[in-house]
Every structure is written in C-alpha cells, then in structure tokens.
Amino acid sequence: MSIGKNREYRQGVQLHPEFAIELRADDREILERVLITIGCGKIYDCSYDRYGWYPHLKYKITGAKDMEEYLFPFLDRYPLQGKKAKVYKLFRTIVRMYRRKEHLTNSGLTKIVKLRNIIRSLGKKHRSMETARVRENRSPSGVGR
C-alpha cells in the first residue's frame, strides 16, 4: 500500500493498494501462470535500458476489489510461508480497511500507516542491503559500474 500526500483528499493523503511480483524477463512464464491462476492483474515490462537494468517483468494487481475477489481467496487457500505470511495478513487487513473506507477517519488512517510501517520493517533489514539488492539488477555496462 503506497500512501502519498494529496491535498484534494479529505485526509490529505491518497492510498494506492498494490500487490506485485517482480521477476527476471526470462521467467515470464511463471508470471503468466500466476495471472491465469489468480484470474486478474496485468504483467508489465520493466526493462529500463536507459538505466542499464537487466530485463524484468512485474505482475500487478492494483484494484482493492480484485484483491478481495481473486487474490485473497487464493492466498487464504494456499497460504504463504515464513515472513511473507505475516506480511500478507497485514496487507489483507489494510486493503479490507481501505475497502470499508476506514482510511477516511483519523483513527483508521493512523492504524493503516502503523500496519504499513510494520510491513516495511519486515522487508528491510538495513538500508545498505536495499542498495545492494537494487544494484544487483544492473547489467555490467549499466549506470554506476
């Protein structure tokens, strides 16, 4: 869930629920199977040649309604393991709160931000590790080498 400032909204912020899986371009078949199995979403080409990135693809679901109707039933039936299981439960809670429009209240928005921050803390150990992960996707002739 991304949260951005936007003065046009009642709380001054805009929420964007998004589920994504990003893989190398040569793993396209995996993302196509995910798309067919879940029954919704899109696959995007993320080959940023101008930055020297290796070709990769992203499978995304951006509609909260699609998440509730397609993604959540699938992930509830076939649960994720380890840390991702906890992340999924928090994410599902946030999306359901969003669908119930709880983000339009101060208390609801505060709870969503706290849950999103917990998700972030589970995904990032150190800033230097994040930088290393990003750099590993660059081709040898890419920017920064």
N, C-alpha and C. Protein backbone atom coordinates (compact mmCIF):
# COMPACT_ATOMS: atom_id res chain seq x y z
N MET A 1 0.86 -1.18 0.00
CA MET A 1 0.00 0.00 0.00
C MET A 1 0.90 1.23 0.00
N SER A 2 0.76 2.04 -1.03
CA SER A 2 1.51 3.29 -1.03
C SER A 2 0.59 4.40 -0.52
N ILE A 3 1.19 5.32 0.18
CA ILE A 3 0.45 6.44 0.75
C ILE A 3 1.16 7.72 0.32
N GLY A 4 0.44 8.57 -0.41
CA GLY A 4 1.04 9.80 -0.90
C GLY A 4 0.21 11.00 -0.48
N LYS A 5 0.89 12.12 -0.29
CA LYS A 5 0.19 13.36 0.07
C LYS A 5 -0.61 13.87 -1.12
N ASN A 6 -1.83 14.29 -0.85
CA ASN A 6 -2.69 14.85 -1.88
C ASN A 6 -3.73 15.73 -1.19
N ARG A 7 -3.60 17.02 -1.32
CA ARG A 7 -4.49 17.97 -0.64
C ARG A 7 -5.94 17.88 -1.09
N GLU A 8 -6.18 17.28 -2.23
CA GLU A 8 -7.55 17.18 -2.73
C GLU A 8 -8.38 16.14 -1.98
N TYR A 9 -7.73 15.29 -1.18
CA TYR A 9 -8.43 14.26 -0.44
C TYR A 9 -8.69 14.72 0.98
N ARG A 10 -9.76 14.20 1.57
CA ARG A 10 -10.23 14.62 2.88
C ARG A 10 -9.14 14.55 3.94
N GLN A 11 -8.39 13.46 3.98
CA GLN A 11 -7.33 13.30 4.97
C GLN A 11 -6.00 13.90 4.53
N GLY A 12 -5.95 14.42 3.30
CA GLY A 12 -4.72 15.00 2.78
C GLY A 12 -3.76 13.97 2.22
N VAL A 13 -4.21 12.72 2.14
CA VAL A 13 -3.39 11.65 1.59
C VAL A 13 -4.23 10.79 0.65
N GLN A 14 -3.53 10.12 -0.25
CA GLN A 14 -4.17 9.22 -1.19
C GLN A 14 -3.54 7.84 -1.04
N LEU A 15 -4.36 6.82 -0.91
CA LEU A 15 -3.87 5.45 -0.76
C LEU A 15 -3.98 4.71 -2.08
N HIS A 16 -2.96 3.88 -2.37
CA HIS A 16 -2.94 3.07 -3.58
C HIS A 16 -2.61 1.63 -3.20
N PRO A 17 -3.62 0.77 -3.10
CA PRO A 17 -3.31 -0.63 -2.82
C PRO A 17 -2.68 -1.27 -4.05
N GLU A 18 -1.62 -2.05 -3.83
CA GLU A 18 -0.94 -2.71 -4.95
C GLU A 18 -0.29 -3.99 -4.48
N PHE A 19 -0.54 -5.06 -5.20
CA PHE A 19 0.14 -6.34 -4.99
C PHE A 19 1.01 -6.55 -6.21
N ALA A 20 2.29 -6.89 -6.01
CA ALA A 20 3.19 -7.06 -7.15
C ALA A 20 4.19 -8.18 -6.91
N ILE A 21 4.53 -8.85 -8.01
CA ILE A 21 5.61 -9.83 -8.03
C ILE A 21 6.52 -9.42 -9.18
N GLU A 22 7.80 -9.28 -8.90
CA GLU A 22 8.75 -8.85 -9.92
C GLU A 22 9.78 -9.96 -10.14
N LEU A 23 9.97 -10.35 -11.41
CA LEU A 23 10.91 -11.40 -11.78
C LEU A 23 11.69 -11.01 -13.02
N ARG A 24 12.77 -11.72 -13.27
CA ARG A 24 13.54 -11.51 -14.49
C ARG A 24 12.66 -11.81 -15.71
N ALA A 25 12.96 -11.17 -16.82
CA ALA A 25 12.15 -11.33 -18.04
C ALA A 25 12.13 -12.77 -18.53
N ASP A 26 13.21 -13.53 -18.29
CA ASP A 26 13.22 -14.91 -18.76
C ASP A 26 12.34 -15.83 -17.90
N ASP A 27 11.73 -15.29 -16.84
CA ASP A 27 10.77 -16.03 -16.03
C ASP A 27 9.33 -15.62 -16.33
N ARG A 28 9.10 -15.06 -17.50
CA ARG A 28 7.77 -14.58 -17.89
C ARG A 28 6.69 -15.66 -17.72
N GLU A 29 7.02 -16.89 -18.05
CA GLU A 29 6.04 -17.98 -17.97
C GLU A 29 5.49 -18.13 -16.55
N ILE A 30 6.34 -17.91 -15.55
CA ILE A 30 5.88 -18.01 -14.16
C ILE A 30 4.81 -16.96 -13.89
N LEU A 31 5.07 -15.71 -14.31
CA LEU A 31 4.10 -14.64 -14.08
C LEU A 31 2.82 -14.86 -14.88
N GLU A 32 2.95 -15.42 -16.08
CA GLU A 32 1.75 -15.73 -16.87
C GLU A 32 0.90 -16.79 -16.17
N ARG A 33 1.55 -17.77 -15.56
CA ARG A 33 0.80 -18.79 -14.81
C ARG A 33 0.13 -18.19 -13.59
N VAL A 34 0.82 -17.26 -12.91
CA VAL A 34 0.23 -16.58 -11.76
C VAL A 34 -1.01 -15.81 -12.19
N LEU A 35 -0.89 -15.08 -13.29
CA LEU A 35 -2.01 -14.30 -13.83
C LEU A 35 -3.21 -15.19 -14.13
N ILE A 36 -2.97 -16.30 -14.79
CA ILE A 36 -4.05 -17.24 -15.14
C ILE A 36 -4.65 -17.86 -13.88
N THR A 37 -3.80 -18.26 -12.96
CA THR A 37 -4.27 -18.92 -11.73
C THR A 37 -5.09 -17.98 -10.86
N ILE A 38 -4.63 -16.76 -10.67
CA ILE A 38 -5.35 -15.81 -9.82
C ILE A 38 -6.59 -15.28 -10.54
N GLY A 39 -6.49 -15.05 -11.84
CA GLY A 39 -7.64 -14.63 -12.62
C GLY A 39 -7.79 -13.13 -12.80
N CYS A 40 -6.78 -12.37 -12.39
CA CYS A 40 -6.82 -10.92 -12.61
C CYS A 40 -5.40 -10.38 -12.51
N GLY A 41 -5.25 -9.11 -12.84
CA GLY A 41 -3.94 -8.46 -12.79
C GLY A 41 -3.38 -8.26 -14.19
N LYS A 42 -2.19 -7.67 -14.25
CA LYS A 42 -1.51 -7.40 -15.53
C LYS A 42 -0.02 -7.64 -15.35
N ILE A 43 0.64 -7.92 -16.47
CA ILE A 43 2.09 -8.08 -16.48
C ILE A 43 2.68 -6.90 -17.22
N TYR A 44 3.67 -6.25 -16.60
CA TYR A 44 4.31 -5.08 -17.17
C TYR A 44 5.78 -5.37 -17.46
N ASP A 45 6.26 -4.85 -18.58
CA ASP A 45 7.67 -4.95 -18.93
C ASP A 45 8.42 -3.83 -18.22
N CYS A 46 9.42 -4.18 -17.46
CA CYS A 46 10.20 -3.20 -16.70
C CYS A 46 11.65 -3.22 -17.15
N SER A 47 11.87 -3.24 -18.43
CA SER A 47 13.23 -3.26 -18.96
C SER A 47 13.70 -1.82 -19.18
N TYR A 48 14.38 -1.28 -18.20
CA TYR A 48 14.81 0.09 -18.26
C TYR A 48 16.20 0.17 -18.87
N ASP A 49 16.28 0.07 -20.18
CA ASP A 49 17.57 0.07 -20.88
C ASP A 49 18.38 1.33 -20.58
N ARG A 50 17.71 2.46 -20.47
CA ARG A 50 18.45 3.70 -20.28
C ARG A 50 19.18 3.74 -18.94
N TYR A 51 18.75 2.91 -17.98
CA TYR A 51 19.43 2.84 -16.69
C TYR A 51 20.38 1.65 -16.60
N GLY A 52 20.41 0.83 -17.63
CA GLY A 52 21.29 -0.33 -17.63
C GLY A 52 20.78 -1.49 -16.79
N TRP A 53 19.45 -1.58 -16.60
CA TRP A 53 18.88 -2.66 -15.81
C TRP A 53 18.71 -3.91 -16.67
N TYR A 54 18.84 -5.06 -16.03
CA TYR A 54 18.51 -6.31 -16.70
C TYR A 54 17.01 -6.31 -16.99
N PRO A 55 16.60 -6.93 -18.08
CA PRO A 55 15.16 -7.00 -18.38
C PRO A 55 14.41 -7.75 -17.27
N HIS A 56 13.32 -7.17 -16.82
CA HIS A 56 12.49 -7.84 -15.83
C HIS A 56 11.03 -7.46 -16.04
N LEU A 57 10.15 -8.22 -15.41
CA LEU A 57 8.72 -8.05 -15.55
C LEU A 57 8.08 -7.91 -14.18
N LYS A 58 6.92 -7.27 -14.16
CA LYS A 58 6.18 -7.12 -12.91
C LYS A 58 4.73 -7.52 -13.14
N TYR A 59 4.24 -8.43 -12.31
CA TYR A 59 2.83 -8.78 -12.27
C TYR A 59 2.20 -7.93 -11.18
N LYS A 60 1.11 -7.21 -11.52
CA LYS A 60 0.49 -6.31 -10.55
C LYS A 60 -1.02 -6.45 -10.53
N ILE A 61 -1.54 -6.32 -9.32
CA ILE A 61 -2.98 -6.14 -9.11
C ILE A 61 -3.10 -4.82 -8.36
N THR A 62 -3.83 -3.87 -8.92
CA THR A 62 -3.95 -2.56 -8.28
C THR A 62 -5.35 -2.25 -7.76
N GLY A 63 -6.31 -3.07 -8.08
CA GLY A 63 -7.67 -2.83 -7.61
C GLY A 63 -7.97 -3.58 -6.32
N ALA A 64 -8.39 -2.84 -5.29
CA ALA A 64 -8.70 -3.46 -4.00
C ALA A 64 -9.84 -4.46 -4.13
N LYS A 65 -10.79 -4.17 -4.99
CA LYS A 65 -11.91 -5.10 -5.20
C LYS A 65 -11.40 -6.41 -5.81
N ASP A 66 -10.51 -6.31 -6.80
CA ASP A 66 -9.92 -7.52 -7.39
C ASP A 66 -9.13 -8.30 -6.36
N MET A 67 -8.45 -7.61 -5.47
CA MET A 67 -7.69 -8.30 -4.43
C MET A 67 -8.63 -9.11 -3.55
N GLU A 68 -9.75 -8.50 -3.15
CA GLU A 68 -10.70 -9.20 -2.29
C GLU A 68 -11.39 -10.36 -3.01
N GLU A 69 -11.69 -10.18 -4.27
CA GLU A 69 -12.43 -11.21 -5.01
C GLU A 69 -11.55 -12.34 -5.54
N TYR A 70 -10.31 -12.04 -5.89
CA TYR A 70 -9.45 -13.03 -6.54
C TYR A 70 -8.20 -13.40 -5.73
N LEU A 71 -7.42 -12.40 -5.35
CA LEU A 71 -6.14 -12.65 -4.70
C LEU A 71 -6.30 -13.24 -3.31
N PHE A 72 -7.09 -12.61 -2.46
CA PHE A 72 -7.20 -13.06 -1.08
C PHE A 72 -7.76 -14.48 -0.96
N PRO A 73 -8.81 -14.83 -1.69
CA PRO A 73 -9.27 -16.22 -1.60
C PRO A 73 -8.18 -17.23 -2.00
N PHE A 74 -7.38 -16.88 -3.02
CA PHE A 74 -6.30 -17.78 -3.44
C PHE A 74 -5.25 -17.90 -2.34
N LEU A 75 -4.79 -16.77 -1.80
CA LEU A 75 -3.74 -16.81 -0.78
C LEU A 75 -4.24 -17.35 0.56
N ASP A 76 -5.53 -17.26 0.81
CA ASP A 76 -6.09 -17.87 2.02
C ASP A 76 -6.14 -19.40 1.86
N ARG A 77 -6.41 -19.84 0.65
CA ARG A 77 -6.48 -21.28 0.38
C ARG A 77 -5.09 -21.91 0.31
N TYR A 78 -4.13 -21.17 -0.25
CA TYR A 78 -2.75 -21.64 -0.40
C TYR A 78 -1.84 -20.65 0.33
N PRO A 79 -1.73 -20.76 1.64
CA PRO A 79 -1.02 -19.76 2.44
C PRO A 79 0.46 -19.63 2.12
N LEU A 80 0.93 -18.40 2.20
CA LEU A 80 2.36 -18.12 2.09
C LEU A 80 3.05 -18.65 3.34
N GLN A 81 4.36 -18.75 3.27
CA GLN A 81 5.14 -19.29 4.39
C GLN A 81 6.07 -18.22 4.95
N GLY A 82 6.53 -18.44 6.15
CA GLY A 82 7.53 -17.57 6.77
C GLY A 82 7.06 -16.14 6.94
N LYS A 83 8.01 -15.22 6.76
CA LYS A 83 7.76 -13.79 6.94
C LYS A 83 6.67 -13.28 6.00
N LYS A 84 6.60 -13.85 4.80
CA LYS A 84 5.60 -13.39 3.83
C LYS A 84 4.18 -13.66 4.31
N ALA A 85 3.98 -14.69 5.12
CA ALA A 85 2.65 -14.98 5.66
C ALA A 85 2.18 -13.84 6.56
N LYS A 86 3.08 -13.33 7.39
CA LYS A 86 2.74 -12.22 8.28
C LYS A 86 2.48 -10.95 7.47
N VAL A 87 3.33 -10.70 6.48
CA VAL A 87 3.17 -9.53 5.62
C VAL A 87 1.82 -9.58 4.92
N TYR A 88 1.46 -10.76 4.40
CA TYR A 88 0.19 -10.91 3.70
C TYR A 88 -0.99 -10.59 4.62
N LYS A 89 -0.98 -11.10 5.83
CA LYS A 89 -2.10 -10.86 6.76
C LYS A 89 -2.25 -9.37 7.07
N LEU A 90 -1.13 -8.69 7.25
CA LEU A 90 -1.18 -7.24 7.49
C LEU A 90 -1.70 -6.50 6.26
N PHE A 91 -1.19 -6.89 5.09
CA PHE A 91 -1.62 -6.27 3.84
C PHE A 91 -3.12 -6.47 3.62
N ARG A 92 -3.59 -7.70 3.84
CA ARG A 92 -5.02 -8.00 3.68
C ARG A 92 -5.86 -7.14 4.62
N THR A 93 -5.40 -6.97 5.85
CA THR A 93 -6.10 -6.12 6.82
C THR A 93 -6.19 -4.69 6.31
N ILE A 94 -5.08 -4.16 5.79
CA ILE A 94 -5.06 -2.79 5.27
C ILE A 94 -6.03 -2.65 4.11
N VAL A 95 -6.00 -3.57 3.17
CA VAL A 95 -6.87 -3.47 1.99
C VAL A 95 -8.33 -3.55 2.41
N ARG A 96 -8.65 -4.41 3.34
CA ARG A 96 -10.04 -4.52 3.81
C ARG A 96 -10.48 -3.25 4.52
N MET A 97 -9.59 -2.64 5.30
CA MET A 97 -9.90 -1.36 5.94
C MET A 97 -10.15 -0.30 4.88
N TYR A 98 -9.32 -0.31 3.86
CA TYR A 98 -9.46 0.64 2.73
C TYR A 98 -10.81 0.44 2.05
N ARG A 99 -11.18 -0.80 1.79
CA ARG A 99 -12.47 -1.08 1.13
C ARG A 99 -13.65 -0.63 1.99
N ARG A 100 -13.48 -0.69 3.31
CA ARG A 100 -14.55 -0.25 4.22
C ARG A 100 -14.48 1.26 4.46
N LYS A 101 -13.54 1.93 3.75
CA LYS A 101 -13.35 3.37 3.83
C LYS A 101 -12.91 3.87 5.20
N GLU A 102 -12.25 2.99 5.96
CA GLU A 102 -11.76 3.38 7.28
C GLU A 102 -10.62 4.38 7.18
N HIS A 103 -9.96 4.44 6.03
CA HIS A 103 -8.86 5.40 5.84
C HIS A 103 -9.35 6.84 5.83
N LEU A 104 -10.65 7.03 5.75
CA LEU A 104 -11.21 8.39 5.72
C LEU A 104 -11.36 8.99 7.11
N THR A 105 -11.09 8.18 8.16
CA THR A 105 -11.11 8.70 9.53
C THR A 105 -9.67 8.81 10.02
N ASN A 106 -9.45 9.71 10.98
CA ASN A 106 -8.11 9.87 11.54
C ASN A 106 -7.60 8.58 12.17
N SER A 107 -8.47 7.91 12.94
CA SER A 107 -8.04 6.69 13.62
C SER A 107 -7.76 5.57 12.62
N GLY A 108 -8.59 5.46 11.59
CA GLY A 108 -8.38 4.43 10.58
C GLY A 108 -7.10 4.66 9.80
N LEU A 109 -6.86 5.90 9.40
CA LEU A 109 -5.65 6.22 8.65
C LEU A 109 -4.40 5.98 9.51
N THR A 110 -4.48 6.35 10.77
CA THR A 110 -3.35 6.12 11.68
C THR A 110 -3.05 4.63 11.79
N LYS A 111 -4.08 3.81 11.92
CA LYS A 111 -3.89 2.35 12.02
C LYS A 111 -3.28 1.81 10.73
N ILE A 112 -3.76 2.27 9.59
CA ILE A 112 -3.23 1.81 8.30
C ILE A 112 -1.75 2.16 8.18
N VAL A 113 -1.39 3.38 8.54
CA VAL A 113 0.02 3.80 8.47
C VAL A 113 0.87 2.93 9.39
N LYS A 114 0.39 2.64 10.60
CA LYS A 114 1.15 1.78 11.52
C LYS A 114 1.34 0.38 10.94
N LEU A 115 0.28 -0.19 10.37
CA LEU A 115 0.38 -1.52 9.78
C LEU A 115 1.33 -1.52 8.58
N ARG A 116 1.24 -0.49 7.76
CA ARG A 116 2.15 -0.38 6.61
C ARG A 116 3.59 -0.26 7.07
N ASN A 117 3.84 0.45 8.16
CA ASN A 117 5.20 0.58 8.68
C ASN A 117 5.73 -0.74 9.22
N ILE A 118 4.85 -1.55 9.79
CA ILE A 118 5.26 -2.88 10.25
C ILE A 118 5.67 -3.72 9.03
N ILE A 119 4.88 -3.66 7.96
CA ILE A 119 5.23 -4.39 6.74
C ILE A 119 6.59 -3.95 6.23
N ARG A 120 6.81 -2.66 6.21
CA ARG A 120 8.10 -2.14 5.74
C ARG A 120 9.26 -2.64 6.60
N SER A 121 9.05 -2.67 7.91
CA SER A 121 10.12 -3.11 8.80
C SER A 121 10.44 -4.59 8.61
N LEU A 122 9.47 -5.38 8.20
CA LEU A 122 9.70 -6.80 7.96
C LEU A 122 10.47 -7.04 6.66
N GLY A 123 10.41 -6.08 5.75
CA GLY A 123 11.03 -6.27 4.45
C GLY A 123 12.41 -5.70 4.31
N LYS A 124 12.82 -4.83 5.20
CA LYS A 124 14.11 -4.15 5.05
C LYS A 124 14.89 -4.26 6.35
N LYS A 125 16.03 -4.91 6.27
CA LYS A 125 16.89 -5.06 7.44
C LYS A 125 17.78 -3.84 7.62
N HIS A 126 18.49 -3.48 6.56
CA HIS A 126 19.42 -2.36 6.59
C HIS A 126 19.32 -1.61 5.27
N ARG A 127 19.52 -0.32 5.30
CA ARG A 127 19.50 0.47 4.07
C ARG A 127 20.56 -0.02 3.09
N SER A 128 21.72 -0.42 3.59
CA SER A 128 22.79 -0.86 2.70
C SER A 128 22.40 -2.14 1.97
N MET A 129 21.59 -3.00 2.61
CA MET A 129 21.15 -4.23 1.95
C MET A 129 20.18 -3.89 0.82
N GLU A 130 19.33 -2.89 1.03
CA GLU A 130 18.40 -2.47 -0.01
C GLU A 130 19.18 -1.96 -1.23
N THR A 131 20.19 -1.16 -1.00
CA THR A 131 21.00 -0.64 -2.08
C THR A 131 21.68 -1.77 -2.84
N ALA A 132 22.18 -2.77 -2.13
CA ALA A 132 22.84 -3.91 -2.77
C ALA A 132 21.84 -4.67 -3.64
N ARG A 133 20.63 -4.84 -3.15
CA ARG A 133 19.61 -5.56 -3.91
C ARG A 133 19.29 -4.83 -5.20
N VAL A 134 19.17 -3.53 -5.14
CA VAL A 134 18.87 -2.74 -6.33
C VAL A 134 20.01 -2.83 -7.33
N ARG A 135 21.22 -2.72 -6.86
CA ARG A 135 22.37 -2.73 -7.76
C ARG A 135 22.57 -4.07 -8.44
N GLU A 136 22.18 -5.16 -7.81
CA GLU A 136 22.42 -6.47 -8.42
C GLU A 136 21.61 -6.67 -9.69
N ASN A 137 20.58 -5.86 -9.92
CA ASN A 137 19.76 -5.98 -11.11
C ASN A 137 20.34 -5.21 -12.30
N ARG A 138 21.44 -4.53 -12.10
CA ARG A 138 22.03 -3.75 -13.18
C ARG A 138 22.96 -4.63 -14.02
N SER A 139 22.93 -4.38 -15.30
CA SER A 139 23.83 -5.10 -16.20
C SER A 139 25.25 -4.56 -16.02
N PRO A 140 26.26 -5.34 -16.41
CA PRO A 140 27.66 -4.91 -16.23
C PRO A 140 27.96 -3.55 -16.86
N SER A 141 27.27 -3.22 -17.93
CA SER A 141 27.53 -1.94 -18.60
C SER A 141 26.60 -0.83 -18.12
N GLY A 142 25.80 -1.15 -17.10
CA GLY A 142 24.80 -0.20 -16.63
C GLY A 142 25.37 0.97 -15.85
N VAL A 143 24.51 1.89 -15.51
CA VAL A 143 24.87 3.08 -14.77
C VAL A 143 25.44 2.67 -13.42
N GLY A 144 26.47 3.34 -12.98
CA GLY A 144 27.01 3.09 -11.65
C GLY A 144 28.09 2.03 -11.64
N ARG A 145 28.49 1.53 -12.76
CA ARG A 145 29.53 0.50 -12.80
C ARG A 145 30.80 1.05 -13.39
